[in-house]
Amino acid sequence: MLGTEANVKIRRIRKVEQFRNRVITDKLVIGSDWVPSAPNINALPKPLRDFIVRLYAYDPQHYVQKVAVLQEHIRMLEADNKRLRNELGWCRKALGQATDGGSAPAKAIG
């Protein structure tokens, strides 16, 4: 077990890291048009640049990048799915209202 001095040091280090990370993320503003070019990455704060370098060095197969791309793809598919479900609901409502004023359920399309 660690002594109380070690526990105090660990807590102090964690507080400093949390504060540093909060300062970095509060000051960092990245727009939707940001691309990971060399000048843009060099403009990032040093801890974030170091993280990117370590990530690139320890992920030679680019699995992290592939996962990020797949997550974005999933978000886009979910948005399309939601849009199409809404459109289908509108079509069903329109068919139900056109046939008999909407009292009977509309037939399934397809």
N, C-alpha and C. Protein backbone atom coordinates (compact mmCIF):
# COMPACT_ATOMS: atom_id res chain seq x y z
N MET A 1 0.84 -1.19 0.00
CA MET A 1 0.00 0.00 0.00
C MET A 1 0.88 1.25 0.00
N LEU A 2 0.38 2.26 -0.61
CA LEU A 2 1.11 3.52 -0.64
C LEU A 2 0.89 4.28 0.65
N GLY A 3 1.90 5.04 1.04
CA GLY A 3 1.78 5.86 2.23
C GLY A 3 0.91 7.07 1.97
N THR A 4 0.60 7.78 3.03
CA THR A 4 -0.26 8.95 2.88
C THR A 4 0.41 10.05 2.06
N GLU A 5 1.73 10.18 2.16
CA GLU A 5 2.44 11.19 1.36
C GLU A 5 2.31 10.89 -0.13
N ALA A 6 2.42 9.63 -0.47
CA ALA A 6 2.29 9.23 -1.88
C ALA A 6 0.87 9.50 -2.36
N ASN A 7 -0.12 9.19 -1.53
CA ASN A 7 -1.51 9.46 -1.91
C ASN A 7 -1.76 10.94 -2.13
N VAL A 8 -1.18 11.77 -1.27
CA VAL A 8 -1.33 13.22 -1.41
C VAL A 8 -0.68 13.69 -2.71
N LYS A 9 0.49 13.15 -3.03
CA LYS A 9 1.18 13.54 -4.27
C LYS A 9 0.37 13.11 -5.49
N ILE A 10 -0.18 11.91 -5.43
CA ILE A 10 -0.98 11.42 -6.56
C ILE A 10 -2.20 12.31 -6.76
N ARG A 11 -2.88 12.66 -5.67
CA ARG A 11 -4.05 13.53 -5.78
C ARG A 11 -3.66 14.90 -6.33
N ARG A 12 -2.53 15.43 -5.88
CA ARG A 12 -2.07 16.73 -6.36
C ARG A 12 -1.76 16.67 -7.85
N ILE A 13 -1.10 15.60 -8.28
CA ILE A 13 -0.78 15.44 -9.70
C ILE A 13 -2.06 15.35 -10.52
N ARG A 14 -3.03 14.59 -10.04
CA ARG A 14 -4.29 14.47 -10.77
C ARG A 14 -5.01 15.81 -10.88
N LYS A 15 -4.99 16.60 -9.80
CA LYS A 15 -5.63 17.92 -9.84
C LYS A 15 -4.95 18.82 -10.85
N VAL A 16 -3.62 18.79 -10.88
CA VAL A 16 -2.88 19.62 -11.83
C VAL A 16 -3.20 19.18 -13.26
N GLU A 17 -3.25 17.87 -13.51
CA GLU A 17 -3.58 17.37 -14.85
C GLU A 17 -4.99 17.78 -15.25
N GLN A 18 -5.94 17.66 -14.33
CA GLN A 18 -7.32 18.06 -14.64
C GLN A 18 -7.39 19.54 -14.96
N PHE A 19 -6.70 20.36 -14.16
CA PHE A 19 -6.70 21.80 -14.41
C PHE A 19 -6.06 22.10 -15.76
N ARG A 20 -4.93 21.47 -16.05
CA ARG A 20 -4.24 21.71 -17.32
C ARG A 20 -5.13 21.31 -18.50
N ASN A 21 -5.77 20.15 -18.39
CA ASN A 21 -6.64 19.70 -19.47
C ASN A 21 -7.83 20.64 -19.64
N ARG A 22 -8.37 21.14 -18.54
CA ARG A 22 -9.51 22.05 -18.61
C ARG A 22 -9.09 23.36 -19.27
N VAL A 23 -7.92 23.87 -18.92
CA VAL A 23 -7.42 25.11 -19.52
C VAL A 23 -7.22 24.92 -21.02
N ILE A 24 -6.66 23.79 -21.40
CA ILE A 24 -6.41 23.52 -22.82
C ILE A 24 -7.72 23.45 -23.58
N THR A 25 -8.69 22.71 -23.07
CA THR A 25 -9.93 22.54 -23.81
C THR A 25 -10.81 23.78 -23.78
N ASP A 26 -10.72 24.59 -22.71
CA ASP A 26 -11.51 25.82 -22.66
C ASP A 26 -11.00 26.85 -23.66
N LYS A 27 -9.69 26.91 -23.86
CA LYS A 27 -9.12 27.89 -24.77
C LYS A 27 -9.11 27.41 -26.22
N LEU A 28 -9.26 26.13 -26.43
CA LEU A 28 -9.14 25.55 -27.75
C LEU A 28 -10.48 25.64 -28.48
N VAL A 29 -10.48 26.31 -29.60
CA VAL A 29 -11.69 26.41 -30.42
C VAL A 29 -11.35 25.86 -31.80
N ILE A 30 -12.00 24.75 -32.14
CA ILE A 30 -11.75 24.13 -33.43
C ILE A 30 -13.06 24.14 -34.20
N GLY A 31 -13.05 24.76 -35.37
CA GLY A 31 -14.24 24.84 -36.20
C GLY A 31 -14.46 23.56 -36.99
N SER A 32 -15.61 23.51 -37.63
CA SER A 32 -15.95 22.31 -38.40
C SER A 32 -15.11 22.20 -39.67
N ASP A 33 -14.49 23.29 -40.08
CA ASP A 33 -13.67 23.26 -41.30
C ASP A 33 -12.20 22.96 -41.00
N TRP A 34 -11.88 22.63 -39.76
CA TRP A 34 -10.50 22.34 -39.35
C TRP A 34 -10.05 21.03 -39.98
N VAL A 35 -8.86 21.04 -40.55
CA VAL A 35 -8.27 19.82 -41.11
C VAL A 35 -6.92 19.58 -40.44
N PRO A 36 -6.52 18.34 -40.28
CA PRO A 36 -5.26 18.05 -39.58
C PRO A 36 -4.03 18.26 -40.46
N SER A 37 -3.80 19.49 -40.86
CA SER A 37 -2.60 19.80 -41.64
C SER A 37 -1.46 20.12 -40.68
N ALA A 38 -0.25 20.16 -41.20
CA ALA A 38 0.92 20.43 -40.35
C ALA A 38 0.82 21.78 -39.64
N PRO A 39 0.45 22.87 -40.32
CA PRO A 39 0.34 24.15 -39.61
C PRO A 39 -0.75 24.13 -38.52
N ASN A 40 -1.86 23.47 -38.79
CA ASN A 40 -2.94 23.42 -37.80
C ASN A 40 -2.52 22.61 -36.58
N ILE A 41 -1.85 21.50 -36.80
CA ILE A 41 -1.41 20.68 -35.66
C ILE A 41 -0.32 21.40 -34.87
N ASN A 42 0.57 22.11 -35.56
CA ASN A 42 1.61 22.87 -34.86
C ASN A 42 1.03 24.02 -34.05
N ALA A 43 -0.16 24.49 -34.41
CA ALA A 43 -0.80 25.59 -33.68
C ALA A 43 -1.50 25.09 -32.41
N LEU A 44 -1.65 23.78 -32.26
CA LEU A 44 -2.31 23.23 -31.08
C LEU A 44 -1.40 23.37 -29.86
N PRO A 45 -1.99 23.34 -28.66
CA PRO A 45 -1.17 23.37 -27.44
C PRO A 45 -0.25 22.14 -27.38
N LYS A 46 0.90 22.31 -26.72
CA LYS A 46 1.91 21.26 -26.67
C LYS A 46 1.39 19.93 -26.12
N PRO A 47 0.62 19.90 -25.03
CA PRO A 47 0.13 18.60 -24.55
C PRO A 47 -0.72 17.86 -25.58
N LEU A 48 -1.50 18.61 -26.33
CA LEU A 48 -2.33 17.98 -27.36
C LEU A 48 -1.48 17.49 -28.52
N ARG A 49 -0.48 18.28 -28.91
CA ARG A 49 0.44 17.83 -29.96
C ARG A 49 1.18 16.57 -29.54
N ASP A 50 1.63 16.54 -28.29
CA ASP A 50 2.32 15.35 -27.78
C ASP A 50 1.41 14.13 -27.81
N PHE A 51 0.15 14.33 -27.46
CA PHE A 51 -0.81 13.22 -27.50
C PHE A 51 -0.96 12.70 -28.92
N ILE A 52 -1.06 13.60 -29.88
CA ILE A 52 -1.21 13.19 -31.28
C ILE A 52 0.02 12.42 -31.75
N VAL A 53 1.20 12.89 -31.38
CA VAL A 53 2.44 12.20 -31.77
C VAL A 53 2.48 10.80 -31.17
N ARG A 54 2.15 10.68 -29.87
CA ARG A 54 2.15 9.36 -29.23
C ARG A 54 1.09 8.45 -29.86
N LEU A 55 -0.06 9.01 -30.15
CA LEU A 55 -1.13 8.21 -30.76
C LEU A 55 -0.69 7.69 -32.13
N TYR A 56 -0.06 8.55 -32.90
CA TYR A 56 0.41 8.15 -34.22
C TYR A 56 1.51 7.10 -34.11
N ALA A 57 2.39 7.26 -33.12
CA ALA A 57 3.51 6.33 -32.96
C ALA A 57 3.05 4.96 -32.47
N TYR A 58 2.06 4.93 -31.60
CA TYR A 58 1.64 3.66 -30.99
C TYR A 58 0.47 3.01 -31.72
N ASP A 59 0.04 3.59 -32.82
CA ASP A 59 -1.07 3.00 -33.58
C ASP A 59 -0.66 2.91 -35.05
N PRO A 60 0.33 2.06 -35.37
CA PRO A 60 0.81 2.01 -36.75
C PRO A 60 -0.23 1.48 -37.74
N GLN A 61 -1.19 0.72 -37.27
CA GLN A 61 -2.22 0.21 -38.16
C GLN A 61 -3.38 1.19 -38.33
N HIS A 62 -3.32 2.31 -37.63
CA HIS A 62 -4.33 3.38 -37.71
C HIS A 62 -5.72 2.92 -37.28
N TYR A 63 -5.77 2.05 -36.27
CA TYR A 63 -7.06 1.56 -35.78
C TYR A 63 -7.89 2.68 -35.16
N VAL A 64 -7.24 3.58 -34.44
CA VAL A 64 -7.97 4.67 -33.80
C VAL A 64 -8.62 5.56 -34.86
N GLN A 65 -7.90 5.84 -35.92
CA GLN A 65 -8.44 6.65 -37.00
C GLN A 65 -9.62 5.93 -37.66
N LYS A 66 -9.48 4.64 -37.89
CA LYS A 66 -10.56 3.87 -38.51
C LYS A 66 -11.81 3.87 -37.63
N VAL A 67 -11.62 3.73 -36.33
CA VAL A 67 -12.76 3.75 -35.41
C VAL A 67 -13.44 5.11 -35.44
N ALA A 68 -12.66 6.19 -35.46
CA ALA A 68 -13.24 7.53 -35.51
C ALA A 68 -14.04 7.74 -36.79
N VAL A 69 -13.52 7.27 -37.91
CA VAL A 69 -14.23 7.39 -39.18
C VAL A 69 -15.52 6.57 -39.14
N LEU A 70 -15.45 5.36 -38.60
CA LEU A 70 -16.64 4.53 -38.51
C LEU A 70 -17.68 5.14 -37.58
N GLN A 71 -17.25 5.76 -36.48
CA GLN A 71 -18.21 6.41 -35.58
C GLN A 71 -18.91 7.55 -36.30
N GLU A 72 -18.18 8.33 -37.07
CA GLU A 72 -18.80 9.42 -37.83
C GLU A 72 -19.77 8.86 -38.86
N HIS A 73 -19.39 7.76 -39.50
CA HIS A 73 -20.27 7.12 -40.48
C HIS A 73 -21.56 6.63 -39.81
N ILE A 74 -21.44 6.06 -38.63
CA ILE A 74 -22.62 5.59 -37.90
C ILE A 74 -23.53 6.76 -37.56
N ARG A 75 -22.95 7.89 -37.11
CA ARG A 75 -23.77 9.07 -36.80
C ARG A 75 -24.52 9.56 -38.04
N MET A 76 -23.85 9.54 -39.19
CA MET A 76 -24.51 9.97 -40.43
C MET A 76 -25.63 9.01 -40.80
N LEU A 77 -25.40 7.71 -40.66
CA LEU A 77 -26.44 6.73 -40.97
C LEU A 77 -27.63 6.86 -40.03
N GLU A 78 -27.37 7.11 -38.75
CA GLU A 78 -28.46 7.29 -37.80
C GLU A 78 -29.28 8.53 -38.14
N ALA A 79 -28.62 9.61 -38.57
CA ALA A 79 -29.34 10.82 -38.97
C ALA A 79 -30.20 10.55 -40.20
N ASP A 80 -29.66 9.83 -41.18
CA ASP A 80 -30.44 9.48 -42.37
C ASP A 80 -31.62 8.59 -42.00
N ASN A 81 -31.39 7.63 -41.10
CA ASN A 81 -32.45 6.74 -40.66
C ASN A 81 -33.58 7.53 -40.01
N LYS A 82 -33.22 8.47 -39.15
CA LYS A 82 -34.23 9.29 -38.47
C LYS A 82 -35.01 10.13 -39.48
N ARG A 83 -34.29 10.73 -40.44
CA ARG A 83 -34.95 11.55 -41.46
C ARG A 83 -35.92 10.71 -42.29
N LEU A 84 -35.49 9.51 -42.68
CA LEU A 84 -36.35 8.65 -43.49
C LEU A 84 -37.55 8.15 -42.70
N ARG A 85 -37.37 7.87 -41.41
CA ARG A 85 -38.51 7.46 -40.57
C ARG A 85 -39.53 8.58 -40.46
N ASN A 86 -39.05 9.81 -40.29
CA ASN A 86 -39.97 10.95 -40.24
C ASN A 86 -40.71 11.12 -41.56
N GLU A 87 -39.99 10.98 -42.66
CA GLU A 87 -40.61 11.10 -43.98
C GLU A 87 -41.66 10.00 -44.18
N LEU A 88 -41.35 8.79 -43.74
CA LEU A 88 -42.31 7.69 -43.84
C LEU A 88 -43.55 7.97 -43.00
N GLY A 89 -43.34 8.53 -41.82
CA GLY A 89 -44.48 8.89 -40.97
C GLY A 89 -45.36 9.93 -41.64
N TRP A 90 -44.75 10.92 -42.28
CA TRP A 90 -45.53 11.93 -42.98
C TRP A 90 -46.32 11.31 -44.13
N CYS A 91 -45.67 10.39 -44.87
CA CYS A 91 -46.36 9.72 -45.98
C CYS A 91 -47.54 8.90 -45.47
N ARG A 92 -47.34 8.20 -44.38
CA ARG A 92 -48.43 7.40 -43.82
C ARG A 92 -49.58 8.28 -43.37
N LYS A 93 -49.26 9.41 -42.75
CA LYS A 93 -50.32 10.34 -42.34
C LYS A 93 -51.07 10.87 -43.55
N ALA A 94 -50.33 11.24 -44.59
CA ALA A 94 -50.96 11.77 -45.80
C ALA A 94 -51.84 10.73 -46.45
N LEU A 95 -51.40 9.48 -46.52
CA LEU A 95 -52.21 8.42 -47.10
C LEU A 95 -53.45 8.16 -46.26
N GLY A 96 -53.31 8.19 -44.96
CA GLY A 96 -54.44 7.96 -44.08
C GLY A 96 -55.47 9.06 -44.19
N GLN A 97 -55.04 10.30 -44.31
CA GLN A 97 -55.95 11.42 -44.42
C GLN A 97 -56.59 11.47 -45.79
N ALA A 98 -55.88 11.05 -46.83
CA ALA A 98 -56.41 11.10 -48.19
C ALA A 98 -57.47 10.03 -48.41
N THR A 99 -57.36 8.87 -47.77
CA THR A 99 -58.29 7.79 -48.04
C THR A 99 -59.62 7.97 -47.32
N ASP A 100 -59.58 8.17 -46.01
CA ASP A 100 -60.85 8.27 -45.30
C ASP A 100 -60.77 9.25 -44.13
N GLY A 101 -60.04 10.28 -44.30
CA GLY A 101 -59.97 11.28 -43.25
C GLY A 101 -59.09 10.88 -42.09
N GLY A 102 -58.37 9.80 -42.19
CA GLY A 102 -57.44 9.41 -41.16
C GLY A 102 -58.02 8.55 -40.07
N SER A 103 -59.27 8.07 -40.22
CA SER A 103 -59.85 7.26 -39.14
C SER A 103 -59.29 5.85 -39.14
N ALA A 104 -59.00 5.29 -40.30
CA ALA A 104 -58.46 3.93 -40.38
C ALA A 104 -56.94 4.01 -40.52
N PRO A 105 -56.23 3.03 -39.98
CA PRO A 105 -54.77 3.06 -40.13
C PRO A 105 -54.36 2.90 -41.58
N ALA A 106 -53.31 3.59 -41.96
CA ALA A 106 -52.83 3.51 -43.34
C ALA A 106 -52.17 2.17 -43.58
N LYS A 107 -52.26 1.70 -44.82
CA LYS A 107 -51.62 0.44 -45.19
C LYS A 107 -50.11 0.65 -45.26
N ALA A 108 -49.39 -0.41 -44.99
CA ALA A 108 -47.93 -0.34 -45.04
C ALA A 108 -47.48 -0.12 -46.47
N ILE A 109 -46.50 0.71 -46.62
CA ILE A 109 -45.94 0.98 -47.95
C ILE A 109 -44.89 -0.07 -48.25
N GLY A 110 -44.94 -0.61 -49.44
CA GLY A 110 -43.91 -1.56 -49.82
C GLY A 110 -44.39 -2.91 -49.95
